[in-house]
Amino acid sequence: MASAQTLRRTAALMERPIEWIGRSLGVLVVMLVLLLFAVVMLRYGWGQAWPWMREGVQALNAAVFLLGASYALQQGEHVRIDVFSRRFSPRLRAIVESACIVFLLLPFCVFVFMVSDHYVWASIAISERSPEPGGLPLVWPIKALIPAMALLLGWQGLALLLRALADVLAPPAAESVP
């Protein structure tokens, strides 16, 4: 069986693309803020409304949310209920974390991917456009973010599983005697 150190190194390698994607999303957030500011200024300042700009705000918001989910998980910024686990030993916490990843997170990712896959391919097949005149010319790239989120979240979940397994395999720390 692999050593704890090997598992941690492998997890760190797996997490690099997720970290790069997460840090790159800052550019999309800036674009989102600027586009939303432009939409508001044009609408209330000059009485102009361009559907592609409004839909662009929605698309950027979807991209940040869906692509950022795996980064949030990596950084520990996801919702977690630590009422019970804060009293657990590090080893028991790692066992519970592993079980949650295997029985909750990974099946969720597989389900989302399987359900959304045909949805995206159907959109590509018909070259789906925005139903609103003047809207975005293609909708499938936005829909493709759904299975991409499932893949990235599953990938990060596997990296966290390796880290948790490393914590389970690691020898317990020597307790200091006062």
C-alpha atoms as a PDB file:
ATOM      1  CA  MET A   1       0.000   0.000   0.000  1.00  0.00           C
ATOM      2  CA  ALA A   2       1.188   3.523  -0.762  1.00  0.00           C
ATOM      3  CA  SER A   3       2.737   5.572   1.975  1.00  0.00           C
ATOM      4  CA  ALA A   4       0.996   8.588   3.434  1.00  0.00           C
ATOM      5  CA  GLN A   5       3.640  10.869   1.955  1.00  0.00           C
ATOM      6  CA  THR A   6       3.108   9.444  -1.550  1.00  0.00           C
ATOM      7  CA  LEU A   7      -0.652   9.938  -1.222  1.00  0.00           C
ATOM      8  CA  ARG A   8      -0.167  13.548  -0.158  1.00  0.00           C
ATOM      9  CA  ARG A   9       2.211  14.235  -3.068  1.00  0.00           C
ATOM     10  CA  THR A  10      -0.220  12.703  -5.537  1.00  0.00           C
ATOM     11  CA  ALA A  11      -3.076  14.753  -4.086  1.00  0.00           C
ATOM     12  CA  ALA A  12      -0.991  17.930  -4.380  1.00  0.00           C
ATOM     13  CA  LEU A  13      -0.320  17.173  -8.059  1.00  0.00           C
ATOM     14  CA  MET A  14      -4.002  16.520  -8.680  1.00  0.00           C
ATOM     15  CA  GLU A  15      -4.957  19.794  -7.024  1.00  0.00           C
ATOM     16  CA  ARG A  16      -2.725  22.008  -9.166  1.00  0.00           C
ATOM     17  CA  PRO A  17      -5.146  22.333 -12.112  1.00  0.00           C
ATOM     18  CA  ILE A  18      -8.025  23.062  -9.729  1.00  0.00           C
ATOM     19  CA  GLU A  19      -5.991  25.760  -8.025  1.00  0.00           C
ATOM     20  CA  TRP A  20      -5.040  27.281 -11.379  1.00  0.00           C
ATOM     21  CA  ILE A  21      -8.687  27.314 -12.496  1.00  0.00           C
ATOM     22  CA  GLY A  22      -9.795  28.829  -9.188  1.00  0.00           C
ATOM     23  CA  ARG A  23      -7.240  31.597  -9.324  1.00  0.00           C
ATOM     24  CA  SER A  24      -8.043  32.293 -12.969  1.00  0.00           C
ATOM     25  CA  LEU A  25     -11.699  32.803 -12.114  1.00  0.00           C
ATOM     26  CA  GLY A  26     -10.757  36.163 -10.629  1.00  0.00           C
ATOM     27  CA  VAL A  27     -10.577  37.489 -14.187  1.00  0.00           C
ATOM     28  CA  LEU A  28     -14.144  36.308 -14.821  1.00  0.00           C
ATOM     29  CA  VAL A  29     -15.317  37.973 -11.618  1.00  0.00           C
ATOM     30  CA  VAL A  30     -13.821  41.296 -12.738  1.00  0.00           C
ATOM     31  CA  MET A  31     -15.457  40.872 -16.171  1.00  0.00           C
ATOM     32  CA  LEU A  32     -18.757  40.033 -14.471  1.00  0.00           C
ATOM     33  CA  VAL A  33     -18.666  43.160 -12.313  1.00  0.00           C
ATOM     34  CA  LEU A  34     -17.748  45.397 -15.259  1.00  0.00           C
ATOM     35  CA  LEU A  35     -20.423  43.901 -17.509  1.00  0.00           C
ATOM     36  CA  LEU A  36     -23.070  44.192 -14.807  1.00  0.00           C
ATOM     37  CA  PHE A  37     -22.072  47.813 -14.213  1.00  0.00           C
ATOM     38  CA  ALA A  38     -22.405  48.475 -17.949  1.00  0.00           C
ATOM     39  CA  VAL A  39     -25.833  46.801 -18.068  1.00  0.00           C
ATOM     40  CA  VAL A  40     -27.095  48.950 -15.180  1.00  0.00           C
ATOM     41  CA  MET A  41     -25.608  52.177 -16.542  1.00  0.00           C
ATOM     42  CA  LEU A  42     -26.985  51.603 -20.040  1.00  0.00           C
ATOM     43  CA  ARG A  43     -30.397  50.615 -18.765  1.00  0.00           C
ATOM     44  CA  TYR A  44     -30.966  53.367 -16.209  1.00  0.00           C
ATOM     45  CA  GLY A  45     -28.642  56.024 -17.588  1.00  0.00           C
ATOM     46  CA  TRP A  46     -29.527  55.877 -21.279  1.00  0.00           C
ATOM     47  CA  GLY A  47     -32.598  53.645 -21.447  1.00  0.00           C
ATOM     48  CA  GLN A  48     -30.766  51.016 -23.501  1.00  0.00           C
ATOM     49  CA  ALA A  49     -31.013  47.266 -22.931  1.00  0.00           C
ATOM     50  CA  TRP A  50     -29.036  44.719 -24.898  1.00  0.00           C
ATOM     51  CA  PRO A  51     -30.090  41.124 -24.256  1.00  0.00           C
ATOM     52  CA  TRP A  52     -26.633  39.698 -25.020  1.00  0.00           C
ATOM     53  CA  MET A  53     -25.163  41.783 -22.190  1.00  0.00           C
ATOM     54  CA  ARG A  54     -27.785  40.621 -19.696  1.00  0.00           C
ATOM     55  CA  GLU A  55     -27.292  37.019 -20.752  1.00  0.00           C
ATOM     56  CA  GLY A  56     -23.533  37.529 -20.618  1.00  0.00           C
ATOM     57  CA  VAL A  57     -23.855  38.446 -16.943  1.00  0.00           C
ATOM     58  CA  GLN A  58     -25.785  35.229 -16.343  1.00  0.00           C
ATOM     59  CA  ALA A  59     -23.235  33.173 -18.291  1.00  0.00           C
ATOM     60  CA  LEU A  60     -20.279  34.643 -16.396  1.00  0.00           C
ATOM     61  CA  ASN A  61     -22.068  34.094 -13.102  1.00  0.00           C
ATOM     62  CA  ALA A  62     -22.710  30.455 -14.063  1.00  0.00           C
ATOM     63  CA  ALA A  63     -19.064  30.001 -15.054  1.00  0.00           C
ATOM     64  CA  VAL A  64     -17.761  31.427 -11.779  1.00  0.00           C
ATOM     65  CA  PHE A  65     -20.165  29.355  -9.694  1.00  0.00           C
ATOM     66  CA  LEU A  66     -19.806  26.060 -11.563  1.00  0.00           C
ATOM     67  CA  LEU A  67     -16.057  26.193 -12.190  1.00  0.00           C
ATOM     68  CA  GLY A  68     -15.384  27.639  -8.750  1.00  0.00           C
ATOM     69  CA  ALA A  69     -17.125  24.834  -6.839  1.00  0.00           C
ATOM     70  CA  SER A  70     -14.088  22.547  -6.953  1.00  0.00           C
ATOM     71  CA  TYR A  71     -11.779  25.392  -5.920  1.00  0.00           C
ATOM     72  CA  ALA A  72     -14.071  26.226  -2.996  1.00  0.00           C
ATOM     73  CA  LEU A  73     -13.940  22.570  -1.928  1.00  0.00           C
ATOM     74  CA  GLN A  74     -10.149  22.577  -2.211  1.00  0.00           C
ATOM     75  CA  GLN A  75      -9.810  25.713  -0.106  1.00  0.00           C
ATOM     76  CA  GLY A  76     -12.265  24.488   2.552  1.00  0.00           C
ATOM     77  CA  GLU A  77     -14.733  27.261   1.722  1.00  0.00           C
ATOM     78  CA  HIS A  78     -17.652  24.899   1.187  1.00  0.00           C
ATOM     79  CA  VAL A  79     -20.499  24.384   3.642  1.00  0.00           C
ATOM     80  CA  ARG A  80     -19.523  21.909   6.303  1.00  0.00           C
ATOM     81  CA  ILE A  81     -21.257  20.905   9.491  1.00  0.00           C
ATOM     82  CA  ASP A  82     -18.618  20.368  12.153  1.00  0.00           C
ATOM     83  CA  VAL A  83     -20.918  19.970  15.155  1.00  0.00           C
ATOM     84  CA  PHE A  84     -19.820  16.390  15.753  1.00  0.00           C
ATOM     85  CA  SER A  85     -16.542  16.107  13.879  1.00  0.00           C
ATOM     86  CA  ARG A  86     -14.761  18.831  15.821  1.00  0.00           C
ATOM     87  CA  ARG A  87     -14.685  16.416  18.772  1.00  0.00           C
ATOM     88  CA  PHE A  88     -13.276  13.566  16.659  1.00  0.00           C
ATOM     89  CA  SER A  89      -9.646  12.595  16.594  1.00  0.00           C
ATOM     90  CA  PRO A  90      -7.810  13.535  13.368  1.00  0.00           C
ATOM     91  CA  ARG A  91      -7.841   9.877  12.292  1.00  0.00           C
ATOM     92  CA  LEU A  92     -11.584   9.444  12.874  1.00  0.00           C
ATOM     93  CA  ARG A  93     -12.226  12.765  11.119  1.00  0.00           C
ATOM     94  CA  ALA A  94     -10.261  11.458   8.115  1.00  0.00           C
ATOM     95  CA  ILE A  95     -12.284   8.227   8.105  1.00  0.00           C
ATOM     96  CA  VAL A  96     -15.567  10.163   8.168  1.00  0.00           C
ATOM     97  CA  GLU A  97     -14.245  12.503   5.447  1.00  0.00           C
ATOM     98  CA  SER A  98     -13.329   9.495   3.282  1.00  0.00           C
ATOM     99  CA  ALA A  99     -16.758   7.944   3.756  1.00  0.00           C
ATOM    100  CA  CYS A 100     -18.509  11.209   2.869  1.00  0.00           C
ATOM    101  CA  ILE A 101     -16.425  11.572  -0.289  1.00  0.00           C
ATOM    102  CA  VAL A 102     -16.991   7.975  -1.390  1.00  0.00           C
ATOM    103  CA  PHE A 103     -20.687   7.730  -0.526  1.00  0.00           C
ATOM    104  CA  LEU A 104     -21.913  11.299  -1.086  1.00  0.00           C
ATOM    105  CA  LEU A 105     -19.620  13.526  -3.156  1.00  0.00           C
ATOM    106  CA  LEU A 106     -18.428  11.112  -5.834  1.00  0.00           C
ATOM    107  CA  PRO A 107     -21.903   9.587  -6.491  1.00  0.00           C
ATOM    108  CA  PHE A 108     -23.300  13.136  -6.733  1.00  0.00           C
ATOM    109  CA  CYS A 109     -20.646  14.024  -9.315  1.00  0.00           C
ATOM    110  CA  VAL A 110     -21.341  10.873 -11.348  1.00  0.00           C
ATOM    111  CA  PHE A 111     -25.094  11.559 -11.221  1.00  0.00           C
ATOM    112  CA  VAL A 112     -24.736  15.186 -12.329  1.00  0.00           C
ATOM    113  CA  PHE A 113     -22.399  14.191 -15.143  1.00  0.00           C
ATOM    114  CA  MET A 114     -24.678  11.414 -16.381  1.00  0.00           C
ATOM    115  CA  VAL A 115     -27.814  13.548 -16.234  1.00  0.00           C
ATOM    116  CA  SER A 116     -26.248  16.613 -17.850  1.00  0.00           C
ATOM    117  CA  ASP A 117     -24.251  14.854 -20.561  1.00  0.00           C
ATOM    118  CA  HIS A 118     -27.181  14.289 -22.946  1.00  0.00           C
ATOM    119  CA  TYR A 119     -28.498  17.758 -22.156  1.00  0.00           C
ATOM    120  CA  VAL A 120     -25.278  19.323 -23.467  1.00  0.00           C
ATOM    121  CA  TRP A 121     -25.050  17.052 -26.539  1.00  0.00           C
ATOM    122  CA  ALA A 122     -28.648  17.861 -27.466  1.00  0.00           C
ATOM    123  CA  SER A 123     -27.837  21.573 -27.241  1.00  0.00           C
ATOM    124  CA  ILE A 124     -24.771  21.108 -29.451  1.00  0.00           C
ATOM    125  CA  ALA A 125     -26.717  19.021 -31.976  1.00  0.00           C
ATOM    126  CA  ILE A 126     -29.266  21.766 -32.604  1.00  0.00           C
ATOM    127  CA  SER A 127     -26.783  24.658 -32.244  1.00  0.00           C
ATOM    128  CA  GLU A 128     -29.022  26.050 -29.542  1.00  0.00           C
ATOM    129  CA  ARG A 129     -29.233  29.824 -29.430  1.00  0.00           C
ATOM    130  CA  SER A 130     -30.748  32.192 -26.948  1.00  0.00           C
ATOM    131  CA  PRO A 131     -34.539  32.327 -27.307  1.00  0.00           C
ATOM    132  CA  GLU A 132     -34.396  36.099 -26.909  1.00  0.00           C
ATOM    133  CA  PRO A 133     -33.756  38.194 -30.037  1.00  0.00           C
ATOM    134  CA  GLY A 134     -30.314  39.742 -29.734  1.00  0.00           C
ATOM    135  CA  GLY A 135     -29.297  37.194 -27.097  1.00  0.00           C
ATOM    136  CA  LEU A 136     -26.190  35.041 -26.984  1.00  0.00           C
ATOM    137  CA  PRO A 137     -25.453  33.219 -30.240  1.00  0.00           C
ATOM    138  CA  LEU A 138     -24.628  29.885 -28.551  1.00  0.00           C
ATOM    139  CA  VAL A 139     -26.008  28.355 -25.378  1.00  0.00           C
ATOM    140  CA  TRP A 140     -24.199  25.000 -25.327  1.00  0.00           C
ATOM    141  CA  PRO A 141     -20.901  26.354 -23.916  1.00  0.00           C
ATOM    142  CA  ILE A 142     -22.800  27.524 -20.843  1.00  0.00           C
ATOM    143  CA  LYS A 143     -24.574  24.184 -20.515  1.00  0.00           C
ATOM    144  CA  ALA A 144     -21.242  22.385 -20.915  1.00  0.00           C
ATOM    145  CA  LEU A 145     -20.156  23.953 -17.640  1.00  0.00           C
ATOM    146  CA  ILE A 146     -22.497  21.578 -15.772  1.00  0.00           C
ATOM    147  CA  PRO A 147     -20.680  18.311 -16.600  1.00  0.00           C
ATOM    148  CA  ALA A 148     -17.376  20.210 -16.355  1.00  0.00           C
ATOM    149  CA  MET A 149     -18.315  21.126 -12.779  1.00  0.00           C
ATOM    150  CA  ALA A 150     -19.079  17.480 -12.025  1.00  0.00           C
ATOM    151  CA  LEU A 151     -15.709  16.360 -13.417  1.00  0.00           C
ATOM    152  CA  LEU A 152     -13.729  19.045 -11.586  1.00  0.00           C
ATOM    153  CA  LEU A 153     -15.585  18.483  -8.323  1.00  0.00           C
ATOM    154  CA  GLY A 154     -15.047  14.720  -8.610  1.00  0.00           C
ATOM    155  CA  TRP A 155     -11.359  15.253  -9.378  1.00  0.00           C
ATOM    156  CA  GLN A 156     -10.954  17.459  -6.309  1.00  0.00           C
ATOM    157  CA  GLY A 157     -12.924  14.926  -4.283  1.00  0.00           C
ATOM    158  CA  LEU A 158     -10.449  12.212  -5.295  1.00  0.00           C
ATOM    159  CA  ALA A 159      -7.562  14.443  -4.226  1.00  0.00           C
ATOM    160  CA  LEU A 160      -9.247  15.040  -0.858  1.00  0.00           C
ATOM    161  CA  LEU A 161      -9.843  11.298  -0.547  1.00  0.00           C
ATOM    162  CA  LEU A 162      -6.110  10.680  -1.031  1.00  0.00           C
ATOM    163  CA  ARG A 163      -5.331  13.261   1.660  1.00  0.00           C
ATOM    164  CA  ALA A 164      -7.840  11.686   4.040  1.00  0.00           C
ATOM    165  CA  LEU A 165      -6.417   8.222   3.386  1.00  0.00           C
ATOM    166  CA  ALA A 166      -2.950   9.599   4.072  1.00  0.00           C
ATOM    167  CA  ASP A 167      -4.220  10.868   7.424  1.00  0.00           C
ATOM    168  CA  VAL A 168      -5.669   7.443   8.192  1.00  0.00           C
ATOM    169  CA  LEU A 169      -2.413   5.675   7.250  1.00  0.00           C
ATOM    170  CA  ALA A 170      -0.117   8.125   9.004  1.00  0.00           C
ATOM    171  CA  PRO A 171       1.114   7.017  12.388  1.00  0.00           C
ATOM    172  CA  PRO A 172      -0.546   8.933  15.221  1.00  0.00           C
ATOM    173  CA  ALA A 173       1.413  11.906  16.476  1.00  0.00           C
ATOM    174  CA  ALA A 174       3.230  11.385  19.712  1.00  0.00           C
ATOM    175  CA  GLU A 175       1.397  13.096  22.522  1.00  0.00           C
ATOM    176  CA  SER A 176       3.437  15.479  24.587  1.00  0.00           C
ATOM    177  CA  VAL A 177       3.740  14.718  28.255  1.00  0.00           C
ATOM    178  CA  PRO A 178       3.616  17.774  30.521  1.00  0.00           C
END
